[in-house]
Amino acid sequence: MDPLLQSVITAVFSGILVALATWHLNRKLESFKHDLIHKVNARKILIEKELEFYAKLFEVLTDLRSLMAELTNPVIRELPGETMLSRNQSMHARILEPFNKLYTLSWSYRPFYPDSLYPRVDELRKLTHRCLVQIEGLCQNMIENRRDNHCDPDRWRDAQNAAKKIEETTEALIGDVRARIDKMS
């Protein structure tokens, strides 16, 4: 075979092989790029949902902290012309709202925040429920004893202890969330 023809054939085949290799690598690169963009977008959505959960959670925590401070400091709670029974009934109704929000948040955003935070969120929900039960017991005891301005000191102490535990758990949860956000950045 003529050396010139052989060089031409070799050059053509080399060109074809380079073109095929380039085409194959470009397809792989495009596929990799597509997968990477998909994963980044999915991660972005998850992070946005997680941060949305934290924003809503902090609203609930702020309400709970304020109510617990009010519950543990009776001077703040006293309003002229209001009986202790009506104050406790009002407090029960006001705590019920953030409790319901916390319950809804903890379940509706469950897929979007880490498993490591769930036990603390659940503990706070249970403590808030216990506090509601304590206040309900106070109110029921006052109604049964027909004493609008006197409550059982043991029941009152239990309600205050529950409120203090909620405050402590809230602080711990805030610390956990801060640590999680720091880890994300």
Foldseek 3Di string as FASTA:
>chain_A
DDPVVVVVVVVVVVVVVVVVVVVVVVVVVVVVVVVVVVVVVVVVVLVVLQVVLVVLVVVLLVQLLVLLVCLLDVVNQDDPPAFPLNSLVVSLVSLVVSLVSLVCSCPVSVVRDDPVLNVLSVVLSVLSVQLSVLSVVQNVQCVVVVNRHDTDPVSSVSNNVSSVVSVVSSVVSVVVVVVVVVVVD
